[in-house]
PDB file of N, CA and C in Angstrom:
ATOM      1  N   MET A   1      -1.491  28.649   4.696  1.00  0.00           N
ATOM      2  CA  MET A   1      -0.866  27.383   5.021  1.00  0.00           C
ATOM      3  C   MET A   1       0.485  27.337   4.327  1.00  0.00           C
ATOM      4  N   GLY A   2       1.514  27.004   5.058  1.00  0.00           N
ATOM      5  CA  GLY A   2       2.864  26.994   4.522  1.00  0.00           C
ATOM      6  C   GLY A   2       3.160  25.753   3.710  1.00  0.00           C
ATOM      7  N   SER A   3       4.243  25.827   2.982  1.00  0.00           N
ATOM      8  CA  SER A   3       4.666  24.717   2.135  1.00  0.00           C
ATOM      9  C   SER A   3       5.014  23.483   2.974  1.00  0.00           C
ATOM     10  N   LYS A   4       5.652  23.708   4.123  1.00  0.00           N
ATOM     11  CA  LYS A   4       6.019  22.572   4.985  1.00  0.00           C
ATOM     12  C   LYS A   4       4.779  21.884   5.543  1.00  0.00           C
ATOM     13  N   THR A   5       3.783  22.667   5.900  1.00  0.00           N
ATOM     14  CA  THR A   5       2.540  22.091   6.424  1.00  0.00           C
ATOM     15  C   THR A   5       1.848  21.270   5.343  1.00  0.00           C
ATOM     16  N   THR A   6       1.834  21.784   4.133  1.00  0.00           N
ATOM     17  CA  THR A   6       1.213  21.065   3.019  1.00  0.00           C
ATOM     18  C   THR A   6       1.941  19.744   2.766  1.00  0.00           C
ATOM     19  N   MET A   7       3.266  19.762   2.797  1.00  0.00           N
ATOM     20  CA  MET A   7       4.034  18.537   2.582  1.00  0.00           C
ATOM     21  C   MET A   7       3.818  17.528   3.703  1.00  0.00           C
ATOM     22  N   LYS A   8       3.662  18.010   4.928  1.00  0.00           N
ATOM     23  CA  LYS A   8       3.387  17.103   6.053  1.00  0.00           C
ATOM     24  C   LYS A   8       2.036  16.419   5.855  1.00  0.00           C
ATOM     25  N   ILE A   9       1.035  17.186   5.424  1.00  0.00           N
ATOM     26  CA  ILE A   9      -0.302  16.628   5.193  1.00  0.00           C
ATOM     27  C   ILE A   9      -0.246  15.593   4.072  1.00  0.00           C
ATOM     28  N   ILE A  10       0.439  15.918   2.978  1.00  0.00           N
ATOM     29  CA  ILE A  10       0.558  14.983   1.859  1.00  0.00           C
ATOM     30  C   ILE A  10       1.281  13.711   2.302  1.00  0.00           C
ATOM     31  N   SER A  11       2.335  13.862   3.096  1.00  0.00           N
ATOM     32  CA  SER A  11       3.072  12.687   3.547  1.00  0.00           C
ATOM     33  C   SER A  11       2.225  11.800   4.451  1.00  0.00           C
ATOM     34  N   ILE A  12       1.442  12.405   5.324  1.00  0.00           N
ATOM     35  CA  ILE A  12       0.565  11.618   6.202  1.00  0.00           C
ATOM     36  C   ILE A  12      -0.500  10.894   5.382  1.00  0.00           C
ATOM     37  N   VAL A  13      -1.041  11.574   4.381  1.00  0.00           N
ATOM     38  CA  VAL A  13      -2.034  10.936   3.501  1.00  0.00           C
ATOM     39  C   VAL A  13      -1.407   9.742   2.786  1.00  0.00           C
ATOM     40  N   LEU A  14      -0.179   9.889   2.298  1.00  0.00           N
ATOM     41  CA  LEU A  14       0.504   8.785   1.618  1.00  0.00           C
ATOM     42  C   LEU A  14       0.766   7.615   2.558  1.00  0.00           C
ATOM     43  N   ILE A  15       1.130   7.908   3.794  1.00  0.00           N
ATOM     44  CA  ILE A  15       1.368   6.845   4.778  1.00  0.00           C
ATOM     45  C   ILE A  15       0.077   6.075   5.050  1.00  0.00           C
ATOM     46  N   VAL A  16      -0.999   6.801   5.275  1.00  0.00           N
ATOM     47  CA  VAL A  16      -2.291   6.158   5.560  1.00  0.00           C
ATOM     48  C   VAL A  16      -2.775   5.379   4.340  1.00  0.00           C
ATOM     49  N   LEU A  17      -2.622   5.967   3.154  1.00  0.00           N
ATOM     50  CA  LEU A  17      -3.015   5.291   1.920  1.00  0.00           C
ATOM     51  C   LEU A  17      -2.208   4.011   1.730  1.00  0.00           C
ATOM     52  N   GLY A  18      -0.919   4.070   1.976  1.00  0.00           N
ATOM     53  CA  GLY A  18      -0.071   2.888   1.849  1.00  0.00           C
ATOM     54  C   GLY A  18      -0.490   1.771   2.787  1.00  0.00           C
ATOM     55  N   LEU A  19      -0.766   2.123   4.028  1.00  0.00           N
ATOM     56  CA  LEU A  19      -1.225   1.112   4.990  1.00  0.00           C
ATOM     57  C   LEU A  19      -2.578   0.535   4.575  1.00  0.00           C
ATOM     58  N   GLY A  20      -3.457   1.403   4.094  1.00  0.00           N
ATOM     59  CA  GLY A  20      -4.779   0.951   3.652  1.00  0.00           C
ATOM     60  C   GLY A  20      -4.684  -0.009   2.484  1.00  0.00           C
ATOM     61  N   LEU A  21      -3.837   0.305   1.517  1.00  0.00           N
ATOM     62  CA  LEU A  21      -3.676  -0.578   0.364  1.00  0.00           C
ATOM     63  C   LEU A  21      -3.079  -1.926   0.770  1.00  0.00           C
ATOM     64  N   ALA A  22      -2.141  -1.908   1.694  1.00  0.00           N
ATOM     65  CA  ALA A  22      -1.551  -3.166   2.168  1.00  0.00           C
ATOM     66  C   ALA A  22      -2.588  -4.032   2.876  1.00  0.00           C
ATOM     67  N   VAL A  23      -3.417  -3.409   3.696  1.00  0.00           N
ATOM     68  CA  VAL A  23      -4.479  -4.151   4.389  1.00  0.00           C
ATOM     69  C   VAL A  23      -5.490  -4.693   3.381  1.00  0.00           C
ATOM     70  N   TRP A  24      -5.847  -3.873   2.398  1.00  0.00           N
ATOM     71  CA  TRP A  24      -6.793  -4.294   1.365  1.00  0.00           C
ATOM     72  C   TRP A  24      -6.215  -5.481   0.585  1.00  0.00           C
ATOM     73  N   GLY A  25      -4.945  -5.417   0.247  1.00  0.00           N
ATOM     74  CA  GLY A  25      -4.296  -6.532  -0.441  1.00  0.00           C
ATOM     75  C   GLY A  25      -4.306  -7.790   0.406  1.00  0.00           C
ATOM     76  N   ASP A  26      -4.105  -7.632   1.710  1.00  0.00           N
ATOM     77  CA  ASP A  26      -4.139  -8.775   2.616  1.00  0.00           C
ATOM     78  C   ASP A  26      -5.522  -9.405   2.648  1.00  0.00           C
ATOM     79  N   GLN A  27      -6.553  -8.563   2.646  1.00  0.00           N
ATOM     80  CA  GLN A  27      -7.921  -9.082   2.633  1.00  0.00           C
ATOM     81  C   GLN A  27      -8.234  -9.793   1.317  1.00  0.00           C
ATOM     82  N   LEU A  28      -7.732  -9.252   0.217  1.00  0.00           N
ATOM     83  CA  LEU A  28      -7.951  -9.889  -1.081  1.00  0.00           C
ATOM     84  C   LEU A  28      -7.234 -11.228  -1.184  1.00  0.00           C
ATOM     85  N   SER A  29      -6.120 -11.362  -0.492  1.00  0.00           N
ATOM     86  CA  SER A  29      -5.367 -12.619  -0.567  1.00  0.00           C
ATOM     87  C   SER A  29      -6.149 -13.773   0.051  1.00  0.00           C
ATOM     88  N   GLY A  30      -7.138 -13.472   0.868  1.00  0.00           N
ATOM     89  CA  GLY A  30      -7.966 -14.506   1.469  1.00  0.00           C
ATOM     90  C   GLY A  30      -9.211 -14.820   0.668  1.00  0.00           C
ATOM     91  N   SER A  31      -9.401 -14.175  -0.483  1.00  0.00           N
ATOM     92  CA  SER A  31     -10.593 -14.412  -1.295  1.00  0.00           C
ATOM     93  C   SER A  31     -10.522 -15.784  -1.964  1.00  0.00           C
ATOM     94  N   VAL A  32     -11.655 -16.273  -2.407  1.00  0.00           N
ATOM     95  CA  VAL A  32     -11.723 -17.592  -3.040  1.00  0.00           C
ATOM     96  C   VAL A  32     -10.872 -17.619  -4.307  1.00  0.00           C
ATOM     97  N   GLU A  33     -10.975 -16.581  -5.126  1.00  0.00           N
ATOM     98  CA  GLU A  33     -10.197 -16.510  -6.366  1.00  0.00           C
ATOM     99  C   GLU A  33      -8.703 -16.581  -6.076  1.00  0.00           C
ATOM    100  N   SER A  34      -8.274 -15.827  -5.085  1.00  0.00           N
ATOM    101  CA  SER A  34      -6.858 -15.795  -4.734  1.00  0.00           C
ATOM    102  C   SER A  34      -6.391 -17.130  -4.168  1.00  0.00           C
ATOM    103  N   GLU A  35      -7.224 -17.765  -3.357  1.00  0.00           N
ATOM    104  CA  GLU A  35      -6.845 -19.054  -2.777  1.00  0.00           C
ATOM    105  C   GLU A  35      -6.728 -20.136  -3.843  1.00  0.00           C
ATOM    106  N   ILE A  36      -7.612 -20.094  -4.847  1.00  0.00           N
ATOM    107  CA  ILE A  36      -7.531 -21.053  -5.950  1.00  0.00           C
ATOM    108  C   ILE A  36      -6.244 -20.825  -6.741  1.00  0.00           C
ATOM    109  N   THR A  37      -5.950 -19.552  -7.029  1.00  0.00           N
ATOM    110  CA  THR A  37      -4.729 -19.225  -7.767  1.00  0.00           C
ATOM    111  C   THR A  37      -3.498 -19.660  -6.986  1.00  0.00           C
ATOM    112  N   GLN A  38      -3.504 -19.434  -5.672  1.00  0.00           N
ATOM    113  CA  GLN A  38      -2.369 -19.841  -4.844  1.00  0.00           C
ATOM    114  C   GLN A  38      -2.214 -21.358  -4.845  1.00  0.00           C
ATOM    115  N   ALA A  39      -3.339 -22.085  -4.818  1.00  0.00           N
ATOM    116  CA  ALA A  39      -3.277 -23.541  -4.800  1.00  0.00           C
ATOM    117  C   ALA A  39      -2.709 -24.085  -6.112  1.00  0.00           C
ATOM    118  N   ILE A  40      -3.072 -23.431  -7.229  1.00  0.00           N
ATOM    119  CA  ILE A  40      -2.629 -23.917  -8.538  1.00  0.00           C
ATOM    120  C   ILE A  40      -1.206 -23.474  -8.849  1.00  0.00           C
ATOM    121  N   THR A  41      -0.919 -22.190  -8.666  1.00  0.00           N
ATOM    122  CA  THR A  41       0.382 -21.644  -9.078  1.00  0.00           C
ATOM    123  C   THR A  41       1.373 -21.511  -7.928  1.00  0.00           C
ATOM    124  N   GLY A  42       0.878 -21.465  -6.708  1.00  0.00           N
ATOM    125  CA  GLY A  42       1.757 -21.269  -5.561  1.00  0.00           C
ATOM    126  C   GLY A  42       2.120 -19.815  -5.316  1.00  0.00           C
ATOM    127  N   ALA A  43       1.496 -18.885  -6.067  1.00  0.00           N
ATOM    128  CA  ALA A  43       1.809 -17.458  -5.933  1.00  0.00           C
ATOM    129  C   ALA A  43       0.525 -16.659  -5.770  1.00  0.00           C
ATOM    130  N   ASP A  44       0.674 -15.470  -5.197  1.00  0.00           N
ATOM    131  CA  ASP A  44      -0.473 -14.575  -5.078  1.00  0.00           C
ATOM    132  C   ASP A  44      -0.883 -14.074  -6.452  1.00  0.00           C
ATOM    133  N   THR A  45      -2.126 -13.615  -6.559  1.00  0.00           N
ATOM    134  CA  THR A  45      -2.600 -13.066  -7.826  1.00  0.00           C
ATOM    135  C   THR A  45      -1.914 -11.734  -8.096  1.00  0.00           C
ATOM    136  N   ASP A  46      -1.931 -11.324  -9.357  1.00  0.00           N
ATOM    137  CA  ASP A  46      -1.329 -10.043  -9.730  1.00  0.00           C
ATOM    138  C   ASP A  46      -2.018  -8.883  -9.028  1.00  0.00           C
ATOM    139  N   LYS A  47      -3.325  -8.992  -8.832  1.00  0.00           N
ATOM    140  CA  LYS A  47      -4.086  -7.924  -8.175  1.00  0.00           C
ATOM    141  C   LYS A  47      -3.596  -7.728  -6.743  1.00  0.00           C
ATOM    142  N   VAL A  48      -3.408  -8.813  -6.030  1.00  0.00           N
ATOM    143  CA  VAL A  48      -2.939  -8.749  -4.644  1.00  0.00           C
ATOM    144  C   VAL A  48      -1.534  -8.158  -4.593  1.00  0.00           C
ATOM    145  N   MET A  49      -0.669  -8.624  -5.481  1.00  0.00           N
ATOM    146  CA  MET A  49       0.707  -8.119  -5.506  1.00  0.00           C
ATOM    147  C   MET A  49       0.737  -6.627  -5.851  1.00  0.00           C
ATOM    148  N   THR A  50      -0.162  -6.193  -6.729  1.00  0.00           N
ATOM    149  CA  THR A  50      -0.235  -4.768  -7.070  1.00  0.00           C
ATOM    150  C   THR A  50      -0.596  -3.942  -5.845  1.00  0.00           C
ATOM    151  N   TYR A  51      -1.554  -4.411  -5.054  1.00  0.00           N
ATOM    152  CA  TYR A  51      -1.927  -3.689  -3.837  1.00  0.00           C
ATOM    153  C   TYR A  51      -0.761  -3.657  -2.842  1.00  0.00           C
ATOM    154  N   TYR A  52      -0.070  -4.779  -2.681  1.00  0.00           N
ATOM    155  CA  TYR A  52       1.071  -4.825  -1.765  1.00  0.00           C
ATOM    156  C   TYR A  52       2.175  -3.857  -2.199  1.00  0.00           C
ATOM    157  N   ILE A  53       2.532  -3.900  -3.470  1.00  0.00           N
ATOM    158  CA  ILE A  53       3.632  -3.072  -3.962  1.00  0.00           C
ATOM    159  C   ILE A  53       3.260  -1.593  -3.930  1.00  0.00           C
ATOM    160  N   THR A  54       2.055  -1.268  -4.395  1.00  0.00           N
ATOM    161  CA  THR A  54       1.616   0.127  -4.384  1.00  0.00           C
ATOM    162  C   THR A  54       1.526   0.653  -2.957  1.00  0.00           C
ATOM    163  N   GLY A  55       1.027  -0.169  -2.055  1.00  0.00           N
ATOM    164  CA  GLY A  55       0.940   0.227  -0.656  1.00  0.00           C
ATOM    165  C   GLY A  55       2.306   0.472  -0.051  1.00  0.00           C
ATOM    166  N   ALA A  56       3.254  -0.400  -0.348  1.00  0.00           N
ATOM    167  CA  ALA A  56       4.607  -0.242   0.196  1.00  0.00           C
ATOM    168  C   ALA A  56       5.286   1.016  -0.354  1.00  0.00           C
ATOM    169  N   VAL A  57       5.155   1.243  -1.656  1.00  0.00           N
ATOM    170  CA  VAL A  57       5.760   2.435  -2.261  1.00  0.00           C
ATOM    171  C   VAL A  57       5.148   3.699  -1.671  1.00  0.00           C
ATOM    172  N   SER A  58       3.834   3.725  -1.584  1.00  0.00           N
ATOM    173  CA  SER A  58       3.148   4.892  -1.028  1.00  0.00           C
ATOM    174  C   SER A  58       3.580   5.138   0.413  1.00  0.00           C
ATOM    175  N   PHE A  59       3.659   4.074   1.205  1.00  0.00           N
ATOM    176  CA  PHE A  59       4.047   4.190   2.606  1.00  0.00           C
ATOM    177  C   PHE A  59       5.463   4.760   2.744  1.00  0.00           C
ATOM    178  N   PHE A  60       6.399   4.207   1.994  1.00  0.00           N
ATOM    179  CA  PHE A  60       7.784   4.644   2.133  1.00  0.00           C
ATOM    180  C   PHE A  60       8.021   6.039   1.564  1.00  0.00           C
ATOM    181  N   VAL A  61       7.313   6.406   0.505  1.00  0.00           N
ATOM    182  CA  VAL A  61       7.406   7.779  -0.003  1.00  0.00           C
ATOM    183  C   VAL A  61       6.852   8.743   1.038  1.00  0.00           C
ATOM    184  N   GLY A  62       5.743   8.363   1.678  1.00  0.00           N
ATOM    185  CA  GLY A  62       5.175   9.189   2.736  1.00  0.00           C
ATOM    186  C   GLY A  62       6.127   9.353   3.910  1.00  0.00           C
ATOM    187  N   ILE A  63       6.772   8.271   4.319  1.00  0.00           N
ATOM    188  CA  ILE A  63       7.756   8.325   5.407  1.00  0.00           C
ATOM    189  C   ILE A  63       8.920   9.227   5.008  1.00  0.00           C
ATOM    190  N   PHE A  64       9.410   9.082   3.775  1.00  0.00           N
ATOM    191  CA  PHE A  64      10.519   9.905   3.317  1.00  0.00           C
ATOM    192  C   PHE A  64      10.149  11.389   3.317  1.00  0.00           C
ATOM    193  N   LEU A  65       8.988  11.710   2.779  1.00  0.00           N
ATOM    194  CA  LEU A  65       8.560  13.123   2.738  1.00  0.00           C
ATOM    195  C   LEU A  65       8.347  13.675   4.142  1.00  0.00           C
ATOM    196  N   PHE A  66       7.815  12.852   5.034  1.00  0.00           N
ATOM    197  CA  PHE A  66       7.566  13.298   6.401  1.00  0.00           C
ATOM    198  C   PHE A  66       8.881  13.602   7.119  1.00  0.00           C
ATOM    199  N   SER A  67       9.862  12.730   6.934  1.00  0.00           N
ATOM    200  CA  SER A  67      11.139  12.933   7.614  1.00  0.00           C
ATOM    201  C   SER A  67      11.969  14.034   6.963  1.00  0.00           C
ATOM    202  N   LYS A  68      11.736  14.293   5.689  1.00  0.00           N
ATOM    203  CA  LYS A  68      12.483  15.313   4.962  1.00  0.00           C
ATOM    204  C   LYS A  68      12.118  16.719   5.444  1.00  0.00           C
ATOM    205  N   ASN A  69      10.858  16.916   5.759  1.00  0.00           N
ATOM    206  CA  ASN A  69      10.409  18.255   6.177  1.00  0.00           C
ATOM    207  C   ASN A  69      10.433  18.335   7.656  1.00  0.00           C
TER     208      ASN A  69
END
């Protein structure tokens, strides 16, 4: 397996992982704990924001690596 093929596989995994984390964060934002926190503070919980940010970074790194090779 060549280096380019390996990088393509890694980039696709990062893209899928990023999308999965974003969806998971979206599902967590609808939880009772998150809704209470949003009602009190007006902001998402740190856990939800971590999933969103990690998902976005993973997705964009995957896109960059995919387009680079």
